[in-house]
């Protein structure tokens, strides 16, 4: 008979086995960094200690929170537009194959544009509001999701498609019942890749020109020769990225419960 506390204990053990190595490696890196700064005598203006960065992040928590909200807003809106555009174009290239050969070279070219060069142009074209941030985030995160969806559609079981067609299913019915479900693992793989670029794209757009955001905070801290504040903002942006990445994992678990059951066996 299974004890009442066995399930929570197994969950804690599973979480520890998954997160333990990552926590250990990060802790080792931080402790080594702290020890080097303490014993080497290096100037804080060159390399601040992690303890100093965390202290400054706490003291500047209100400013960092305000700028982080602006960056998170741009990230959320831009990434949402990216997902919508990627899904629409994936439908077009799937239902009309010649469009794939016509559009994919253009999409690939957009990914070769360096952010440091394109960000000021987008700000120049769209102004200093929210629009250029949305455009840049969507531009950065659009292509991996599109490629993942297209690859997922192509991985559909041909026998299943033939079976549905023999039963009189329409092209759209085959897509919704076979091709779209088969693309989910590919879609979430592309989603996890794209979400790691979303915050960086938003910060680049703010760095090029904005009124508020982590990019502006980093720029001001750099101009004031405050590497501790720069690294504090970097820590916040990394935390945002990890939180968004974790959210995509939770969404995947909710959308694909059968995959979770397969992992638990």
C-alpha atoms as a PDB file:
ATOM      1  CA  UNK A   1       0.000   0.000   0.000  1.00  0.00           C
ATOM      2  CA  UNK A   2       1.348   3.410  -1.015  1.00  0.00           C
ATOM      3  CA  UNK A   3       1.989   5.749   1.912  1.00  0.00           C
ATOM      4  CA  UNK A   4       0.464   9.231   1.919  1.00  0.00           C
ATOM      5  CA  UNK A   5       3.781  11.042   1.883  1.00  0.00           C
ATOM      6  CA  UNK A   6       5.463   8.885  -0.743  1.00  0.00           C
ATOM      7  CA  UNK A   7       4.210  10.903  -3.724  1.00  0.00           C
ATOM      8  CA  UNK A   8       5.539  14.282  -2.442  1.00  0.00           C
ATOM      9  CA  UNK A   9       8.813  12.643  -1.487  1.00  0.00           C
ATOM     10  CA  UNK A  10       9.188  11.175  -4.969  1.00  0.00           C
ATOM     11  CA  UNK A  11       8.420  14.579  -6.481  1.00  0.00           C
ATOM     12  CA  UNK A  12      11.073  16.237  -4.303  1.00  0.00           C
ATOM     13  CA  UNK A  13      13.589  13.530  -5.165  1.00  0.00           C
ATOM     14  CA  UNK A  14      12.861  13.883  -8.882  1.00  0.00           C
ATOM     15  CA  UNK A  15      13.200  17.669  -8.685  1.00  0.00           C
ATOM     16  CA  UNK A  16      16.483  17.350  -6.813  1.00  0.00           C
ATOM     17  CA  UNK A  17      17.885  14.906  -9.351  1.00  0.00           C
ATOM     18  CA  UNK A  18      16.999  17.248 -12.206  1.00  0.00           C
ATOM     19  CA  UNK A  19      17.919  20.601 -10.638  1.00  0.00           C
ATOM     20  CA  UNK A  20      20.759  19.451  -8.385  1.00  0.00           C
ATOM     21  CA  UNK A  21      23.589  19.438 -10.970  1.00  0.00           C
ATOM     22  CA  UNK A  22      22.575  22.854 -12.327  1.00  0.00           C
ATOM     23  CA  UNK A  23      22.355  24.382  -8.841  1.00  0.00           C
ATOM     24  CA  UNK A  24      25.715  22.868  -7.914  1.00  0.00           C
ATOM     25  CA  UNK A  25      27.469  24.177 -11.034  1.00  0.00           C
ATOM     26  CA  UNK A  26      26.029  27.694 -10.612  1.00  0.00           C
ATOM     27  CA  UNK A  27      26.900  27.747  -6.909  1.00  0.00           C
ATOM     28  CA  UNK A  28      30.465  26.640  -7.689  1.00  0.00           C
ATOM     29  CA  UNK A  29      30.831  29.369 -10.300  1.00  0.00           C
ATOM     30  CA  UNK A  30      29.484  32.082  -7.981  1.00  0.00           C
ATOM     31  CA  UNK A  31      31.633  30.975  -5.039  1.00  0.00           C
ATOM     32  CA  UNK A  32      34.716  30.838  -7.241  1.00  0.00           C
ATOM     33  CA  UNK A  33      33.938  34.315  -8.582  1.00  0.00           C
ATOM     34  CA  UNK A  34      33.446  35.659  -5.035  1.00  0.00           C
ATOM     35  CA  UNK A  35      36.671  34.089  -3.832  1.00  0.00           C
ATOM     36  CA  UNK A  36      38.671  35.436  -6.771  1.00  0.00           C
ATOM     37  CA  UNK A  37      37.459  38.999  -6.223  1.00  0.00           C
ATOM     38  CA  UNK A  38      38.082  38.760  -2.478  1.00  0.00           C
ATOM     39  CA  UNK A  39      41.604  37.325  -2.620  1.00  0.00           C
ATOM     40  CA  UNK A  40      42.891  38.953  -5.826  1.00  0.00           C
ATOM     41  CA  UNK A  41      42.141  42.500  -4.702  1.00  0.00           C
ATOM     42  CA  UNK A  42      40.776  43.446  -8.101  1.00  0.00           C
ATOM     43  CA  UNK A  43      38.957  46.778  -8.203  1.00  0.00           C
ATOM     44  CA  UNK A  44      35.124  46.635  -7.966  1.00  0.00           C
ATOM     45  CA  UNK A  45      34.968  48.963 -10.968  1.00  0.00           C
ATOM     46  CA  UNK A  46      36.654  46.248 -13.019  1.00  0.00           C
ATOM     47  CA  UNK A  47      34.981  43.130 -11.607  1.00  0.00           C
ATOM     48  CA  UNK A  48      32.446  43.469  -8.792  1.00  0.00           C
ATOM     49  CA  UNK A  49      31.812  40.502  -6.525  1.00  0.00           C
ATOM     50  CA  UNK A  50      28.509  38.614  -6.759  1.00  0.00           C
ATOM     51  CA  UNK A  51      27.660  39.753  -3.215  1.00  0.00           C
ATOM     52  CA  UNK A  52      28.056  43.397  -4.274  1.00  0.00           C
ATOM     53  CA  UNK A  53      25.918  42.821  -7.374  1.00  0.00           C
ATOM     54  CA  UNK A  54      23.134  41.244  -5.309  1.00  0.00           C
ATOM     55  CA  UNK A  55      23.349  44.075  -2.764  1.00  0.00           C
ATOM     56  CA  UNK A  56      23.057  46.708  -5.490  1.00  0.00           C
ATOM     57  CA  UNK A  57      20.198  44.799  -7.098  1.00  0.00           C
ATOM     58  CA  UNK A  58      18.363  44.849  -3.766  1.00  0.00           C
ATOM     59  CA  UNK A  59      19.030  48.549  -3.215  1.00  0.00           C
ATOM     60  CA  UNK A  60      17.931  49.365  -6.771  1.00  0.00           C
ATOM     61  CA  UNK A  61      14.991  46.951  -6.701  1.00  0.00           C
ATOM     62  CA  UNK A  62      12.338  49.605  -7.407  1.00  0.00           C
ATOM     63  CA  UNK A  63      14.163  50.993 -10.445  1.00  0.00           C
ATOM     64  CA  UNK A  64      15.013  47.516 -11.698  1.00  0.00           C
ATOM     65  CA  UNK A  65      11.412  46.373 -11.257  1.00  0.00           C
ATOM     66  CA  UNK A  66      10.097  49.375 -13.207  1.00  0.00           C
ATOM     67  CA  UNK A  67      12.529  48.864 -16.075  1.00  0.00           C
ATOM     68  CA  UNK A  68      11.975  45.098 -16.034  1.00  0.00           C
ATOM     69  CA  UNK A  69       8.222  45.550 -16.452  1.00  0.00           C
ATOM     70  CA  UNK A  70       8.829  47.675 -19.550  1.00  0.00           C
ATOM     71  CA  UNK A  71      11.139  45.020 -20.996  1.00  0.00           C
ATOM     72  CA  UNK A  72       8.724  42.227 -20.105  1.00  0.00           C
ATOM     73  CA  UNK A  73       5.870  44.088 -21.790  1.00  0.00           C
ATOM     74  CA  UNK A  74       7.840  44.468 -25.012  1.00  0.00           C
ATOM     75  CA  UNK A  75       8.944  40.832 -24.824  1.00  0.00           C
ATOM     76  CA  UNK A  76       5.408  39.536 -24.290  1.00  0.00           C
ATOM     77  CA  UNK A  77       3.804  41.569 -27.054  1.00  0.00           C
ATOM     78  CA  UNK A  78       6.640  40.959 -29.499  1.00  0.00           C
ATOM     79  CA  UNK A  79       6.752  37.235 -28.854  1.00  0.00           C
ATOM     80  CA  UNK A  80       2.960  36.946 -29.167  1.00  0.00           C
ATOM     81  CA  UNK A  81       3.101  38.663 -32.563  1.00  0.00           C
ATOM     82  CA  UNK A  82       5.964  36.362 -33.523  1.00  0.00           C
ATOM     83  CA  UNK A  83       3.954  33.233 -32.691  1.00  0.00           C
ATOM     84  CA  UNK A  84       0.924  34.441 -34.623  1.00  0.00           C
ATOM     85  CA  UNK A  85       3.014  35.346 -37.673  1.00  0.00           C
ATOM     86  CA  UNK A  86       4.954  32.067 -37.545  1.00  0.00           C
ATOM     87  CA  UNK A  87       1.751  30.010 -37.393  1.00  0.00           C
ATOM     88  CA  UNK A  88       0.109  31.940 -40.257  1.00  0.00           C
ATOM     89  CA  UNK A  89       3.144  31.622 -42.515  1.00  0.00           C
ATOM     90  CA  UNK A  90       3.563  27.955 -41.597  1.00  0.00           C
ATOM     91  CA  UNK A  91       0.000  27.373 -42.798  1.00  0.00           C
ATOM     92  CA  UNK A  92       0.713  29.191 -46.048  1.00  0.00           C
ATOM     93  CA  UNK A  93       3.896  27.275 -46.841  1.00  0.00           C
ATOM     94  CA  UNK A  94       2.250  23.982 -45.868  1.00  0.00           C
ATOM     95  CA  UNK A  95      -0.893  24.427 -47.965  1.00  0.00           C
ATOM     96  CA  UNK A  96       0.918  26.136 -50.854  1.00  0.00           C
ATOM     97  CA  UNK A  97       4.377  24.514 -51.248  1.00  0.00           C
ATOM     98  CA  UNK A  98       5.622  26.978 -53.920  1.00  0.00           C
ATOM     99  CA  UNK A  99       5.409  29.711 -51.279  1.00  0.00           C
ATOM    100  CA  UNK A 100       8.007  27.820 -49.241  1.00  0.00           C
ATOM    101  CA  UNK A 101      10.575  28.187 -52.011  1.00  0.00           C
ATOM    102  CA  UNK A 102       9.605  31.831 -52.471  1.00  0.00           C
ATOM    103  CA  UNK A 103       9.474  32.971 -48.831  1.00  0.00           C
ATOM    104  CA  UNK A 104      12.074  30.923 -46.982  1.00  0.00           C
ATOM    105  CA  UNK A 105      15.078  32.655 -48.620  1.00  0.00           C
ATOM    106  CA  UNK A 106      13.615  35.988 -47.502  1.00  0.00           C
ATOM    107  CA  UNK A 107      13.108  34.710 -43.962  1.00  0.00           C
ATOM    108  CA  UNK A 108      16.657  33.377 -43.873  1.00  0.00           C
ATOM    109  CA  UNK A 109      17.986  36.779 -44.963  1.00  0.00           C
ATOM    110  CA  UNK A 110      16.166  38.447 -42.056  1.00  0.00           C
ATOM    111  CA  UNK A 111      18.091  36.190 -39.671  1.00  0.00           C
ATOM    112  CA  UNK A 112      21.448  37.288 -41.080  1.00  0.00           C
ATOM    113  CA  UNK A 113      20.846  40.926 -40.126  1.00  0.00           C
ATOM    114  CA  UNK A 114      22.973  41.866 -37.088  1.00  0.00           C
ATOM    115  CA  UNK A 115      20.894  43.213 -34.200  1.00  0.00           C
ATOM    116  CA  UNK A 116      23.394  45.950 -33.451  1.00  0.00           C
ATOM    117  CA  UNK A 117      22.859  47.326 -36.968  1.00  0.00           C
ATOM    118  CA  UNK A 118      19.147  46.751 -37.463  1.00  0.00           C
ATOM    119  CA  UNK A 119      17.945  47.938 -34.028  1.00  0.00           C
ATOM    120  CA  UNK A 120      18.751  51.657 -34.578  1.00  0.00           C
ATOM    121  CA  UNK A 121      17.079  51.526 -37.999  1.00  0.00           C
ATOM    122  CA  UNK A 122      13.897  50.019 -36.587  1.00  0.00           C
ATOM    123  CA  UNK A 123      13.822  52.690 -33.884  1.00  0.00           C
ATOM    124  CA  UNK A 124      14.369  55.335 -36.579  1.00  0.00           C
ATOM    125  CA  UNK A 125      11.500  53.977 -38.681  1.00  0.00           C
ATOM    126  CA  UNK A 126       8.979  53.323 -35.885  1.00  0.00           C
ATOM    127  CA  UNK A 127       9.917  55.872 -33.220  1.00  0.00           C
ATOM    128  CA  UNK A 128      10.739  55.439 -29.541  1.00  0.00           C
ATOM    129  CA  UNK A 129       7.516  53.795 -28.368  1.00  0.00           C
ATOM    130  CA  UNK A 130       6.530  50.172 -27.920  1.00  0.00           C
ATOM    131  CA  UNK A 131       6.240  49.405 -31.653  1.00  0.00           C
ATOM    132  CA  UNK A 132       9.974  49.101 -32.498  1.00  0.00           C
ATOM    133  CA  UNK A 133      10.493  46.775 -29.539  1.00  0.00           C
ATOM    134  CA  UNK A 134       7.651  44.534 -30.710  1.00  0.00           C
ATOM    135  CA  UNK A 135       9.001  44.507 -34.267  1.00  0.00           C
ATOM    136  CA  UNK A 136      12.537  43.616 -33.203  1.00  0.00           C
ATOM    137  CA  UNK A 137      11.471  40.873 -30.784  1.00  0.00           C
ATOM    138  CA  UNK A 138       9.201  39.376 -33.442  1.00  0.00           C
ATOM    139  CA  UNK A 139      11.987  39.571 -36.017  1.00  0.00           C
ATOM    140  CA  UNK A 140      14.430  37.768 -33.727  1.00  0.00           C
ATOM    141  CA  UNK A 141      12.073  35.014 -32.542  1.00  0.00           C
ATOM    142  CA  UNK A 142       9.963  34.392 -35.651  1.00  0.00           C
ATOM    143  CA  UNK A 143      12.160  32.105 -37.744  1.00  0.00           C
ATOM    144  CA  UNK A 144      12.939  29.245 -35.282  1.00  0.00           C
ATOM    145  CA  UNK A 145       9.228  28.739 -34.580  1.00  0.00           C
ATOM    146  CA  UNK A 146       8.379  28.811 -38.289  1.00  0.00           C
ATOM    147  CA  UNK A 147      11.046  26.243 -39.145  1.00  0.00           C
ATOM    148  CA  UNK A 148       9.995  24.030 -36.234  1.00  0.00           C
ATOM    149  CA  UNK A 149       6.354  24.068 -37.344  1.00  0.00           C
ATOM    150  CA  UNK A 150       7.214  23.344 -40.971  1.00  0.00           C
ATOM    151  CA  UNK A 151       9.462  20.461 -39.922  1.00  0.00           C
ATOM    152  CA  UNK A 152       6.743  19.123 -37.647  1.00  0.00           C
ATOM    153  CA  UNK A 153       4.152  19.138 -40.423  1.00  0.00           C
ATOM    154  CA  UNK A 154       6.568  17.243 -42.674  1.00  0.00           C
ATOM    155  CA  UNK A 155       7.117  14.594 -39.976  1.00  0.00           C
ATOM    156  CA  UNK A 156       3.474  13.488 -40.013  1.00  0.00           C
ATOM    157  CA  UNK A 157       2.883   9.771 -40.442  1.00  0.00           C
ATOM    158  CA  UNK A 158       2.052   9.233 -44.123  1.00  0.00           C
ATOM    159  CA  UNK A 159      -0.052   6.167 -43.359  1.00  0.00           C
ATOM    160  CA  UNK A 160      -2.215   8.202 -41.005  1.00  0.00           C
ATOM    161  CA  UNK A 161      -2.723  10.869 -43.652  1.00  0.00           C
ATOM    162  CA  UNK A 162      -3.606   8.224 -46.234  1.00  0.00           C
ATOM    163  CA  UNK A 163      -6.089   6.639 -43.825  1.00  0.00           C
ATOM    164  CA  UNK A 164      -7.807   9.958 -43.154  1.00  0.00           C
ATOM    165  CA  UNK A 165      -7.908  10.757 -46.873  1.00  0.00           C
ATOM    166  CA  UNK A 166      -9.433   7.365 -47.646  1.00  0.00           C
ATOM    167  CA  UNK A 167     -12.184   8.147 -45.151  1.00  0.00           C
ATOM    168  CA  UNK A 168     -13.022  11.344 -47.031  1.00  0.00           C
ATOM    169  CA  UNK A 169     -11.285  13.842 -44.737  1.00  0.00           C
ATOM    170  CA  UNK A 170     -10.625  17.245 -46.272  1.00  0.00           C
ATOM    171  CA  UNK A 171      -7.185  18.818 -46.503  1.00  0.00           C
ATOM    172  CA  UNK A 172      -7.957  21.043 -43.520  1.00  0.00           C
ATOM    173  CA  UNK A 173      -9.326  18.081 -41.551  1.00  0.00           C
ATOM    174  CA  UNK A 174      -6.151  16.114 -42.189  1.00  0.00           C
ATOM    175  CA  UNK A 175      -4.140  19.121 -41.072  1.00  0.00           C
ATOM    176  CA  UNK A 176      -6.004  19.575 -37.777  1.00  0.00           C
ATOM    177  CA  UNK A 177      -6.196  15.852 -36.951  1.00  0.00           C
ATOM    178  CA  UNK A 178      -2.749  14.677 -38.084  1.00  0.00           C
ATOM    179  CA  UNK A 179      -0.280  17.327 -39.211  1.00  0.00           C
ATOM    180  CA  UNK A 180      -0.871  19.872 -36.440  1.00  0.00           C
ATOM    181  CA  UNK A 181      -0.680  17.368 -33.533  1.00  0.00           C
ATOM    182  CA  UNK A 182       2.470  15.810 -34.983  1.00  0.00           C
ATOM    183  CA  UNK A 183       4.126  19.238 -35.074  1.00  0.00           C
ATOM    184  CA  UNK A 184       3.707  19.916 -31.336  1.00  0.00           C
ATOM    185  CA  UNK A 185       7.062  18.452 -30.177  1.00  0.00           C
ATOM    186  CA  UNK A 186       8.852  20.384 -32.921  1.00  0.00           C
ATOM    187  CA  UNK A 187       6.880  23.540 -32.140  1.00  0.00           C
ATOM    188  CA  UNK A 188       7.804  23.517 -28.461  1.00  0.00           C
ATOM    189  CA  UNK A 189      11.445  22.841 -29.301  1.00  0.00           C
ATOM    190  CA  UNK A 190      11.446  25.931 -31.511  1.00  0.00           C
ATOM    191  CA  UNK A 191       9.512  27.840 -28.854  1.00  0.00           C
ATOM    192  CA  UNK A 192      12.147  27.154 -26.218  1.00  0.00           C
ATOM    193  CA  UNK A 193      14.872  28.337 -28.585  1.00  0.00           C
ATOM    194  CA  UNK A 194      13.009  31.512 -29.517  1.00  0.00           C
ATOM    195  CA  UNK A 195      12.048  32.512 -25.980  1.00  0.00           C
ATOM    196  CA  UNK A 196      15.717  32.709 -25.010  1.00  0.00           C
ATOM    197  CA  UNK A 197      16.212  35.363 -27.709  1.00  0.00           C
ATOM    198  CA  UNK A 198      13.082  37.371 -26.904  1.00  0.00           C
ATOM    199  CA  UNK A 199      14.411  39.261 -23.866  1.00  0.00           C
ATOM    200  CA  UNK A 200      17.717  39.930 -25.634  1.00  0.00           C
ATOM    201  CA  UNK A 201      15.856  41.377 -28.625  1.00  0.00           C
ATOM    202  CA  UNK A 202      13.808  43.654 -26.378  1.00  0.00           C
ATOM    203  CA  UNK A 203      16.928  44.878 -24.558  1.00  0.00           C
ATOM    204  CA  UNK A 204      18.700  45.573 -27.855  1.00  0.00           C
ATOM    205  CA  UNK A 205      15.764  47.667 -29.064  1.00  0.00           C
ATOM    206  CA  UNK A 206      15.798  49.642 -25.791  1.00  0.00           C
ATOM    207  CA  UNK A 207      19.550  50.019 -25.987  1.00  0.00           C
ATOM    208  CA  UNK A 208      19.146  51.588 -29.420  1.00  0.00           C
ATOM    209  CA  UNK A 209      16.516  54.039 -28.206  1.00  0.00           C
ATOM    210  CA  UNK A 210      13.751  53.918 -25.610  1.00  0.00           C
ATOM    211  CA  UNK A 211      12.404  55.786 -22.600  1.00  0.00           C
ATOM    212  CA  UNK A 212      12.394  52.862 -20.183  1.00  0.00           C
ATOM    213  CA  UNK A 213      13.611  49.286 -20.019  1.00  0.00           C
ATOM    214  CA  UNK A 214      16.575  47.186 -18.960  1.00  0.00           C
ATOM    215  CA  UNK A 215      18.450  48.289 -22.070  1.00  0.00           C
ATOM    216  CA  UNK A 216      18.234  51.923 -20.973  1.00  0.00           C
ATOM    217  CA  UNK A 217      19.163  50.965 -17.413  1.00  0.00           C
ATOM    218  CA  UNK A 218      22.253  49.106 -18.642  1.00  0.00           C
ATOM    219  CA  UNK A 219      23.247  51.992 -20.896  1.00  0.00           C
ATOM    220  CA  UNK A 220      22.960  54.537 -18.072  1.00  0.00           C
ATOM    221  CA  UNK A 221      24.881  52.294 -15.673  1.00  0.00           C
ATOM    222  CA  UNK A 222      27.624  51.782 -18.252  1.00  0.00           C
ATOM    223  CA  UNK A 223      27.925  55.516 -18.873  1.00  0.00           C
ATOM    224  CA  UNK A 224      28.242  56.061 -15.114  1.00  0.00           C
ATOM    225  CA  UNK A 225      30.992  53.399 -14.860  1.00  0.00           C
ATOM    226  CA  UNK A 226      28.885  51.156 -12.620  1.00  0.00           C
ATOM    227  CA  UNK A 227      29.602  47.562 -13.674  1.00  0.00           C
ATOM    228  CA  UNK A 228      27.808  46.319 -10.557  1.00  0.00           C
ATOM    229  CA  UNK A 229      24.553  47.887 -11.765  1.00  0.00           C
ATOM    230  CA  UNK A 230      25.162  46.605 -15.295  1.00  0.00           C
ATOM    231  CA  UNK A 231      25.587  43.058 -13.993  1.00  0.00           C
ATOM    232  CA  UNK A 232      22.579  43.478 -11.699  1.00  0.00           C
ATOM    233  CA  UNK A 233      20.451  44.285 -14.750  1.00  0.00           C
ATOM    234  CA  UNK A 234      22.014  41.348 -16.608  1.00  0.00           C
ATOM    235  CA  UNK A 235      21.083  39.108 -13.674  1.00  0.00           C
ATOM    236  CA  UNK A 236      17.484  40.361 -13.847  1.00  0.00           C
ATOM    237  CA  UNK A 237      17.310  39.788 -17.612  1.00  0.00           C
ATOM    238  CA  UNK A 238      18.683  36.260 -17.172  1.00  0.00           C
ATOM    239  CA  UNK A 239      16.074  35.617 -14.487  1.00  0.00           C
ATOM    240  CA  UNK A 240      13.318  36.831 -16.818  1.00  0.00           C
ATOM    241  CA  UNK A 241      14.593  34.553 -19.571  1.00  0.00           C
ATOM    242  CA  UNK A 242      14.696  31.539 -17.254  1.00  0.00           C
ATOM    243  CA  UNK A 243      11.174  32.301 -16.017  1.00  0.00           C
ATOM    244  CA  UNK A 244       9.842  32.528 -19.577  1.00  0.00           C
ATOM    245  CA  UNK A 245      11.669  29.330 -20.511  1.00  0.00           C
ATOM    246  CA  UNK A 246      10.114  27.591 -17.533  1.00  0.00           C
ATOM    247  CA  UNK A 247       6.688  28.875 -18.565  1.00  0.00           C
ATOM    248  CA  UNK A 248       7.097  27.286 -22.011  1.00  0.00           C
ATOM    249  CA  UNK A 249       7.948  23.959 -20.359  1.00  0.00           C
ATOM    250  CA  UNK A 250       4.795  24.156 -18.238  1.00  0.00           C
ATOM    251  CA  UNK A 251       2.701  25.008 -21.299  1.00  0.00           C
ATOM    252  CA  UNK A 252       4.204  22.047 -23.149  1.00  0.00           C
ATOM    253  CA  UNK A 253       3.361  19.721 -20.270  1.00  0.00           C
ATOM    254  CA  UNK A 254      -0.228  20.982 -20.286  1.00  0.00           C
ATOM    255  CA  UNK A 255      -0.565  20.727 -24.079  1.00  0.00           C
ATOM    256  CA  UNK A 256       1.149  17.319 -24.364  1.00  0.00           C
ATOM    257  CA  UNK A 257       0.176  15.272 -21.294  1.00  0.00           C
ATOM    258  CA  UNK A 258       0.987  12.038 -23.128  1.00  0.00           C
ATOM    259  CA  UNK A 259       4.650  13.083 -23.314  1.00  0.00           C
ATOM    260  CA  UNK A 260       4.717  13.512 -19.534  1.00  0.00           C
ATOM    261  CA  UNK A 261       3.238  10.069 -19.064  1.00  0.00           C
ATOM    262  CA  UNK A 262       5.919   8.604 -21.315  1.00  0.00           C
ATOM    263  CA  UNK A 263       8.662  10.263 -19.239  1.00  0.00           C
ATOM    264  CA  UNK A 264       7.287   8.880 -15.981  1.00  0.00           C
ATOM    265  CA  UNK A 265       7.530   5.241 -17.132  1.00  0.00           C
END
